C-alpha cells in the first residue's frame, strides 16, 4: 500500500493569527450583545402586555360588579377594592333639563366614570352613559 507523503506545513502559515482570533471574538461579542438587547426589549414588551391584560380584566370585573343597576343609579361616588385592584365609580347627571315632566317616571342619562388602579400603579378610566330612572 502506497501512502502519499504529507505536505510540509510551514510554521508561518499554520493556524490563525492572534489578530484574527481577536476579530472573531469581537464579532461574536457584538452579536451576543445585539441578541441580548433584542431579548431584553421583548421581555419588557411582554411584561407590559401582561400588565395591560391584567388591567383590562380588572376593569371588566369592576364594570360587572361595581356599577349599580339602572334602578339604583344615583349621583355620587362608590369606591372599593377587588383582588388588589382599587376602583372608583363616579355617577353624575349628563347635562341639564332631564327632569321628569309632570311627575311621570322617565329615564335620565347619567355619566358613569369608572377608574381602576392596579397594585402596580397602572390605571384605566372608562366613561359611559347609562339611563337611570328619573324622579318618581
N, C-alpha and C. Protein backbone atom coordinates (compact mmCIF):
# COMPACT_ATOMS: atom_id res chain seq x y z
N UNK A 1 0.82 -1.14 0.00
CA UNK A 1 0.00 0.00 0.00
C UNK A 1 0.89 1.23 0.00
N UNK A 2 0.51 2.17 -0.87
CA UNK A 2 1.32 3.36 -1.04
C UNK A 2 0.61 4.54 -0.41
N UNK A 3 1.31 5.28 0.43
CA UNK A 3 0.75 6.49 1.04
C UNK A 3 1.42 7.69 0.42
N UNK A 4 0.54 8.71 0.17
CA UNK A 4 1.09 9.95 -0.37
C UNK A 4 1.76 10.69 0.78
N UNK A 5 2.88 11.24 0.51
CA UNK A 5 3.56 11.98 1.59
C UNK A 5 2.77 13.23 1.96
N UNK A 6 2.72 13.50 3.26
CA UNK A 6 2.04 14.71 3.76
C UNK A 6 2.88 15.91 3.39
N UNK A 7 2.21 16.96 2.90
CA UNK A 7 2.99 18.15 2.58
C UNK A 7 3.48 18.80 3.87
N UNK A 8 4.61 19.34 3.82
CA UNK A 8 5.19 20.00 4.98
C UNK A 8 4.46 21.31 5.22
N UNK A 9 4.12 21.56 6.50
CA UNK A 9 3.42 22.78 6.87
C UNK A 9 4.45 23.79 7.33
N UNK A 10 4.37 24.93 6.69
CA UNK A 10 5.28 26.00 7.08
C UNK A 10 4.78 26.59 8.38
N UNK A 11 5.66 26.78 9.34
CA UNK A 11 5.25 27.28 10.65
C UNK A 11 4.60 28.65 10.56
N UNK A 12 4.92 29.45 9.60
CA UNK A 12 4.34 30.78 9.46
C UNK A 12 2.94 30.75 8.89
N UNK A 13 2.49 29.65 8.29
CA UNK A 13 1.19 29.55 7.65
C UNK A 13 0.19 28.75 8.47
N UNK A 14 0.56 28.14 9.56
CA UNK A 14 -0.33 27.24 10.30
C UNK A 14 -1.21 28.03 11.26
N UNK A 15 -2.56 27.67 11.33
CA UNK A 15 -3.48 28.24 12.33
C UNK A 15 -3.88 29.67 12.04
N UNK A 16 -4.47 30.28 13.08
CA UNK A 16 -4.93 31.66 12.99
C UNK A 16 -3.96 32.57 13.71
N UNK A 17 -3.90 33.78 13.25
CA UNK A 17 -3.06 34.74 13.95
C UNK A 17 -3.84 35.29 15.14
N UNK A 18 -3.16 35.93 16.03
CA UNK A 18 -3.80 36.49 17.22
C UNK A 18 -4.80 37.57 16.82
N UNK A 19 -4.51 38.33 15.82
CA UNK A 19 -5.42 39.39 15.36
C UNK A 19 -6.70 38.78 14.80
N UNK A 20 -6.61 37.70 14.05
CA UNK A 20 -7.79 37.05 13.50
C UNK A 20 -8.68 36.50 14.62
N UNK A 21 -8.07 35.92 15.64
CA UNK A 21 -8.84 35.40 16.77
C UNK A 21 -9.53 36.54 17.51
N UNK A 22 -8.84 37.65 17.72
CA UNK A 22 -9.44 38.80 18.42
C UNK A 22 -10.59 39.40 17.61
N UNK A 23 -10.43 39.48 16.30
CA UNK A 23 -11.52 40.00 15.46
C UNK A 23 -12.72 39.07 15.52
N UNK A 24 -12.50 37.76 15.46
CA UNK A 24 -13.60 36.80 15.55
C UNK A 24 -14.31 36.91 16.90
N UNK A 25 -13.55 37.05 17.99
CA UNK A 25 -14.16 37.20 19.31
C UNK A 25 -14.96 38.51 19.41
N UNK A 26 -14.46 39.57 18.80
CA UNK A 26 -15.18 40.84 18.82
C UNK A 26 -16.50 40.73 18.06
N UNK A 27 -16.50 40.06 16.91
CA UNK A 27 -17.73 39.86 16.14
C UNK A 27 -18.73 39.04 16.94
N UNK A 28 -18.27 37.97 17.57
CA UNK A 28 -19.15 37.14 18.39
C UNK A 28 -19.70 37.94 19.57
N UNK A 29 -18.85 38.74 20.20
CA UNK A 29 -19.29 39.56 21.33
C UNK A 29 -20.35 40.57 20.93
N UNK A 30 -20.15 41.27 19.81
CA UNK A 30 -21.15 42.23 19.34
C UNK A 30 -22.46 41.52 18.98
N UNK A 31 -22.36 40.35 18.38
CA UNK A 31 -23.56 39.59 18.02
C UNK A 31 -24.34 39.19 19.27
N UNK A 32 -23.65 38.70 20.29
CA UNK A 32 -24.31 38.32 21.53
C UNK A 32 -24.93 39.53 22.23
N UNK A 33 -24.25 40.67 22.20
CA UNK A 33 -24.80 41.88 22.80
C UNK A 33 -26.07 42.32 22.09
N UNK A 34 -26.08 42.24 20.76
CA UNK A 34 -27.27 42.61 20.00
C UNK A 34 -28.43 41.66 20.29
N UNK A 35 -28.15 40.37 20.37
CA UNK A 35 -29.19 39.39 20.68
C UNK A 35 -29.73 39.64 22.09
N UNK A 36 -28.85 39.95 23.04
CA UNK A 36 -29.28 40.25 24.40
C UNK A 36 -30.18 41.47 24.46
N UNK A 37 -29.86 42.49 23.69
CA UNK A 37 -30.68 43.70 23.66
C UNK A 37 -32.07 43.40 23.10
N UNK A 38 -32.15 42.59 22.05
CA UNK A 38 -33.44 42.23 21.47
C UNK A 38 -34.26 41.42 22.46
N UNK A 39 -33.65 40.47 23.13
CA UNK A 39 -34.36 39.64 24.11
C UNK A 39 -34.86 40.52 25.26
N UNK A 40 -34.03 41.43 25.73
CA UNK A 40 -34.43 42.32 26.82
C UNK A 40 -35.62 43.19 26.42
N UNK A 41 -35.59 43.71 25.22
CA UNK A 41 -36.70 44.53 24.73
C UNK A 41 -37.98 43.70 24.65
N UNK A 42 -37.87 42.47 24.17
CA UNK A 42 -39.04 41.61 24.07
C UNK A 42 -39.59 41.26 25.45
N UNK A 43 -38.74 41.03 26.42
CA UNK A 43 -39.19 40.71 27.77
C UNK A 43 -39.96 41.89 28.35
N UNK A 44 -39.44 43.11 28.17
CA UNK A 44 -40.15 44.30 28.66
C UNK A 44 -41.50 44.45 27.97
N UNK A 45 -41.54 44.18 26.67
CA UNK A 45 -42.81 44.27 25.93
C UNK A 45 -43.83 43.26 26.42
N UNK A 46 -43.39 42.05 26.66
CA UNK A 46 -44.28 41.00 27.17
C UNK A 46 -44.80 41.38 28.55
N UNK A 47 -43.94 41.89 29.40
CA UNK A 47 -44.33 42.30 30.75
C UNK A 47 -45.37 43.43 30.68
N UNK A 48 -45.16 44.38 29.79
CA UNK A 48 -46.12 45.47 29.64
C UNK A 48 -47.47 44.96 29.14
N UNK A 49 -47.45 44.02 28.20
CA UNK A 49 -48.70 43.44 27.70
C UNK A 49 -49.43 42.67 28.79
N UNK A 50 -48.69 41.93 29.61
CA UNK A 50 -49.31 41.19 30.71
C UNK A 50 -49.97 42.14 31.70
N UNK A 51 -49.32 43.26 32.01
CA UNK A 51 -49.91 44.25 32.90
C UNK A 51 -51.15 44.88 32.29
N UNK A 52 -51.10 45.13 30.98
CA UNK A 52 -52.25 45.72 30.29
C UNK A 52 -53.44 44.76 30.31
N UNK A 53 -53.19 43.48 30.06
CA UNK A 53 -54.26 42.48 30.08
C UNK A 53 -54.85 42.38 31.48
N UNK A 54 -54.00 42.37 32.51
CA UNK A 54 -54.49 42.31 33.89
C UNK A 54 -55.34 43.54 34.22
N UNK A 55 -54.93 44.70 33.73
CA UNK A 55 -55.69 45.92 33.97
C UNK A 55 -57.05 45.87 33.29
N UNK A 56 -57.09 45.41 32.06
CA UNK A 56 -58.36 45.32 31.34
C UNK A 56 -59.28 44.29 32.00
N UNK A 57 -58.72 43.16 32.45
CA UNK A 57 -59.54 42.16 33.15
C UNK A 57 -60.11 42.73 34.45
N UNK A 58 -59.29 43.50 35.18
CA UNK A 58 -59.78 44.14 36.41
C UNK A 58 -60.88 45.14 36.09
N UNK A 59 -60.72 45.89 35.00
CA UNK A 59 -61.75 46.86 34.60
C UNK A 59 -63.04 46.16 34.22
N UNK A 60 -62.94 45.04 33.50
CA UNK A 60 -64.14 44.28 33.14
C UNK A 60 -64.86 43.76 34.38
N UNK A 61 -64.09 43.25 35.34
CA UNK A 61 -64.69 42.76 36.57
C UNK A 61 -65.36 43.89 37.34
N UNK A 62 -64.73 45.07 37.35
CA UNK A 62 -65.31 46.21 38.05
C UNK A 62 -66.58 46.70 37.35
N UNK A 63 -66.62 46.66 36.03
CA UNK A 63 -67.83 47.06 35.30
C UNK A 63 -68.99 46.17 35.71
N UNK A 64 -68.73 44.89 35.83
CA UNK A 64 -69.80 43.94 36.16
C UNK A 64 -70.23 44.09 37.62
N UNK A 65 -69.27 44.26 38.53
CA UNK A 65 -69.61 44.22 39.96
C UNK A 65 -69.82 45.60 40.58
N UNK A 66 -69.17 46.64 40.08
CA UNK A 66 -69.18 47.93 40.77
C UNK A 66 -70.28 48.87 40.29
N UNK A 67 -70.63 48.83 39.03
CA UNK A 67 -71.63 49.76 38.52
C UNK A 67 -73.02 49.24 38.88
N UNK A 68 -73.79 50.06 39.59
CA UNK A 68 -75.11 49.60 40.01
C UNK A 68 -76.08 49.44 38.84
N UNK A 69 -77.17 48.73 39.10
CA UNK A 69 -78.22 48.56 38.10
C UNK A 69 -78.88 49.91 37.81
N UNK A 70 -79.63 49.95 36.74
CA UNK A 70 -80.27 51.21 36.33
C UNK A 70 -81.19 51.77 37.40
N UNK A 71 -81.89 50.90 38.08
CA UNK A 71 -82.83 51.38 39.09
C UNK A 71 -82.12 51.95 40.31
N UNK A 72 -80.84 51.66 40.48
CA UNK A 72 -80.10 52.11 41.66
C UNK A 72 -79.07 53.19 41.34
N UNK A 73 -79.10 53.72 40.14
CA UNK A 73 -78.15 54.77 39.77
C UNK A 73 -78.52 56.06 40.48
N UNK A 74 -77.65 56.55 41.32
CA UNK A 74 -77.83 57.84 41.98
C UNK A 74 -76.51 58.59 41.87
N UNK A 75 -76.58 59.90 41.68
CA UNK A 75 -75.33 60.67 41.59
C UNK A 75 -74.50 60.50 42.86
N UNK A 76 -73.20 60.40 42.66
CA UNK A 76 -72.27 60.23 43.78
C UNK A 76 -71.11 59.35 43.38
N UNK A 77 -70.37 58.90 44.39
CA UNK A 77 -69.19 58.07 44.14
C UNK A 77 -69.27 56.79 44.96
N UNK A 78 -68.77 55.72 44.38
CA UNK A 78 -68.68 54.43 45.05
C UNK A 78 -67.25 53.96 44.88
N UNK A 79 -66.64 53.50 45.96
CA UNK A 79 -65.26 53.01 45.90
C UNK A 79 -65.19 51.61 46.48
N UNK A 80 -64.17 50.88 46.04
CA UNK A 80 -63.97 49.54 46.57
C UNK A 80 -62.66 48.95 46.09
N UNK A 81 -62.37 47.78 46.61
CA UNK A 81 -61.16 47.05 46.23
C UNK A 81 -61.56 45.61 45.94
N UNK A 82 -61.08 45.12 44.83
CA UNK A 82 -61.35 43.74 44.44
C UNK A 82 -60.06 43.11 43.97
N UNK A 83 -59.59 42.09 44.65
CA UNK A 83 -58.40 41.36 44.22
C UNK A 83 -57.15 42.21 44.09
N UNK A 84 -56.99 43.21 44.94
CA UNK A 84 -55.80 44.04 44.88
C UNK A 84 -55.93 45.24 43.97
N UNK A 85 -57.03 45.34 43.22
CA UNK A 85 -57.27 46.49 42.35
C UNK A 85 -58.26 47.42 43.03
N UNK A 86 -57.93 48.70 43.05
CA UNK A 86 -58.82 49.70 43.64
C UNK A 86 -59.64 50.31 42.52
N UNK A 87 -60.95 50.42 42.72
CA UNK A 87 -61.81 51.01 41.71
C UNK A 87 -62.67 52.10 42.33
N UNK A 88 -63.08 53.03 41.48
CA UNK A 88 -63.95 54.13 41.91
C UNK A 88 -64.94 54.40 40.78
N UNK A 89 -66.22 54.44 41.13
CA UNK A 89 -67.28 54.75 40.18
C UNK A 89 -67.85 56.10 40.56
N UNK A 90 -67.86 57.01 39.60
CA UNK A 90 -68.43 58.34 39.79
C UNK A 90 -69.65 58.45 38.89
N UNK A 91 -70.81 58.78 39.47
CA UNK A 91 -72.06 58.91 38.71
C UNK A 91 -72.52 60.35 38.80
N UNK A 92 -72.78 60.96 37.67
CA UNK A 92 -73.22 62.35 37.63
C UNK A 92 -74.23 62.52 36.51
N UNK A 93 -75.16 63.46 36.68
CA UNK A 93 -76.12 63.72 35.61
C UNK A 93 -75.40 64.20 34.35
N UNK A 94 -75.92 63.80 33.23
CA UNK A 94 -75.35 64.22 31.96
C UNK A 94 -76.16 65.40 31.44
N UNK A 95 -75.56 66.57 31.47
CA UNK A 95 -76.27 67.75 31.00
C UNK A 95 -77.32 68.21 31.99
N UNK A 96 -78.27 69.01 31.50
CA UNK A 96 -79.33 69.55 32.36
C UNK A 96 -80.66 69.46 31.63
N UNK A 97 -81.73 69.66 32.38
CA UNK A 97 -83.07 69.66 31.77
C UNK A 97 -83.64 68.28 31.56
N UNK A 98 -83.22 67.33 32.32
CA UNK A 98 -83.70 65.96 32.15
C UNK A 98 -84.73 65.60 33.22
N UNK A 99 -85.34 66.56 33.84
CA UNK A 99 -86.31 66.28 34.90
C UNK A 99 -87.55 65.62 34.31
N UNK A 100 -88.16 64.79 35.11
CA UNK A 100 -89.39 64.12 34.67
C UNK A 100 -90.51 65.16 34.59
N UNK A 101 -91.32 65.05 33.56
CA UNK A 101 -92.38 66.03 33.31
C UNK A 101 -93.64 65.60 34.06
N UNK A 102 -94.19 66.52 34.81
CA UNK A 102 -95.49 66.35 35.48
C UNK A 102 -95.55 65.06 36.28
N UNK A 103 -94.45 64.70 36.98
CA UNK A 103 -94.46 63.54 37.88
C UNK A 103 -94.37 62.20 37.18
N UNK A 104 -94.20 62.19 35.87
CA UNK A 104 -94.09 60.92 35.17
C UNK A 104 -92.68 60.38 35.34
N UNK A 105 -92.59 59.08 35.51
CA UNK A 105 -91.27 58.45 35.63
C UNK A 105 -90.65 58.35 34.25
N UNK A 106 -89.44 58.87 34.13
CA UNK A 106 -88.75 58.82 32.85
C UNK A 106 -87.32 58.35 33.04
N UNK A 107 -86.63 58.24 31.97
CA UNK A 107 -85.24 57.82 32.01
C UNK A 107 -84.35 59.05 31.89
N UNK A 108 -83.34 59.12 32.75
CA UNK A 108 -82.42 60.24 32.77
C UNK A 108 -81.02 59.72 32.47
N UNK A 109 -80.33 60.31 31.48
CA UNK A 109 -78.97 59.84 31.19
C UNK A 109 -78.00 60.24 32.30
N UNK A 110 -77.22 59.29 32.75
CA UNK A 110 -76.22 59.52 33.79
C UNK A 110 -74.84 59.19 33.22
N UNK A 111 -73.88 60.08 33.49
CA UNK A 111 -72.50 59.83 33.08
C UNK A 111 -71.85 58.97 34.16
N UNK A 112 -71.36 57.80 33.76
CA UNK A 112 -70.72 56.87 34.69
C UNK A 112 -69.25 56.79 34.34
N UNK A 113 -68.39 57.16 35.29
CA UNK A 113 -66.95 57.12 35.10
C UNK A 113 -66.38 56.07 36.04
N UNK A 114 -65.65 55.13 35.48
CA UNK A 114 -65.02 54.07 36.26
C UNK A 114 -63.52 54.22 36.16
N UNK A 115 -62.84 54.28 37.30
CA UNK A 115 -61.37 54.36 37.33
C UNK A 115 -60.88 53.14 38.11
N UNK A 116 -59.99 52.38 37.47
CA UNK A 116 -59.41 51.19 38.10
C UNK A 116 -57.91 51.38 38.17
N UNK A 117 -57.33 51.13 39.36
CA UNK A 117 -55.88 51.22 39.55
C UNK A 117 -55.40 49.88 40.12
N UNK A 118 -54.41 49.28 39.45
CA UNK A 118 -53.87 48.01 39.92
C UNK A 118 -52.78 48.25 40.95
N UNK A 119 -52.34 47.17 41.57
CA UNK A 119 -51.29 47.27 42.59
C UNK A 119 -49.99 47.80 42.00
N UNK A 120 -49.75 47.57 40.71
CA UNK A 120 -48.52 48.04 40.07
C UNK A 120 -48.58 49.53 39.74
N UNK A 121 -49.75 50.15 39.89
CA UNK A 121 -49.90 51.57 39.61
C UNK A 121 -50.52 51.86 38.26
N UNK A 122 -50.76 50.84 37.45
CA UNK A 122 -51.40 51.05 36.15
C UNK A 122 -52.85 51.48 36.39
N UNK A 123 -53.36 52.34 35.51
CA UNK A 123 -54.69 52.89 35.73
C UNK A 123 -55.43 53.01 34.40
N UNK A 124 -56.73 52.80 34.46
CA UNK A 124 -57.58 52.97 33.28
C UNK A 124 -58.83 53.72 33.71
N UNK A 125 -59.29 54.63 32.84
CA UNK A 125 -60.54 55.36 33.04
C UNK A 125 -61.50 54.95 31.94
N UNK A 126 -62.70 54.55 32.34
CA UNK A 126 -63.75 54.22 31.39
C UNK A 126 -64.93 55.14 31.63
N UNK A 127 -65.50 55.66 30.56
CA UNK A 127 -66.67 56.52 30.68
C UNK A 127 -67.76 55.98 29.79
N UNK A 128 -68.97 55.99 30.33
CA UNK A 128 -70.11 55.54 29.57
C UNK A 128 -71.33 56.32 30.04
N UNK A 129 -72.40 56.20 29.30
CA UNK A 129 -73.67 56.83 29.68
C UNK A 129 -74.66 55.71 29.91
N UNK A 130 -75.34 55.80 31.05
CA UNK A 130 -76.39 54.83 31.38
C UNK A 130 -77.68 55.59 31.64
N UNK A 131 -78.77 54.97 31.30
CA UNK A 131 -80.06 55.56 31.60
C UNK A 131 -80.50 55.11 32.98
N UNK A 132 -80.82 56.09 33.81
CA UNK A 132 -81.32 55.79 35.15
C UNK A 132 -82.73 56.30 35.27
N UNK A 133 -83.45 55.75 36.24
CA UNK A 133 -84.81 56.20 36.46
C UNK A 133 -84.84 57.64 36.91
N UNK A 134 -85.75 58.40 36.36
CA UNK A 134 -85.93 59.78 36.78
C UNK A 134 -86.71 59.85 38.07
N UNK A 135 -87.18 61.02 38.42
CA UNK A 135 -87.96 61.18 39.64
C UNK A 135 -89.25 60.41 39.53
N UNK A 136 -89.67 59.81 40.65
CA UNK A 136 -90.91 59.01 40.63
C UNK A 136 -92.03 59.73 41.30
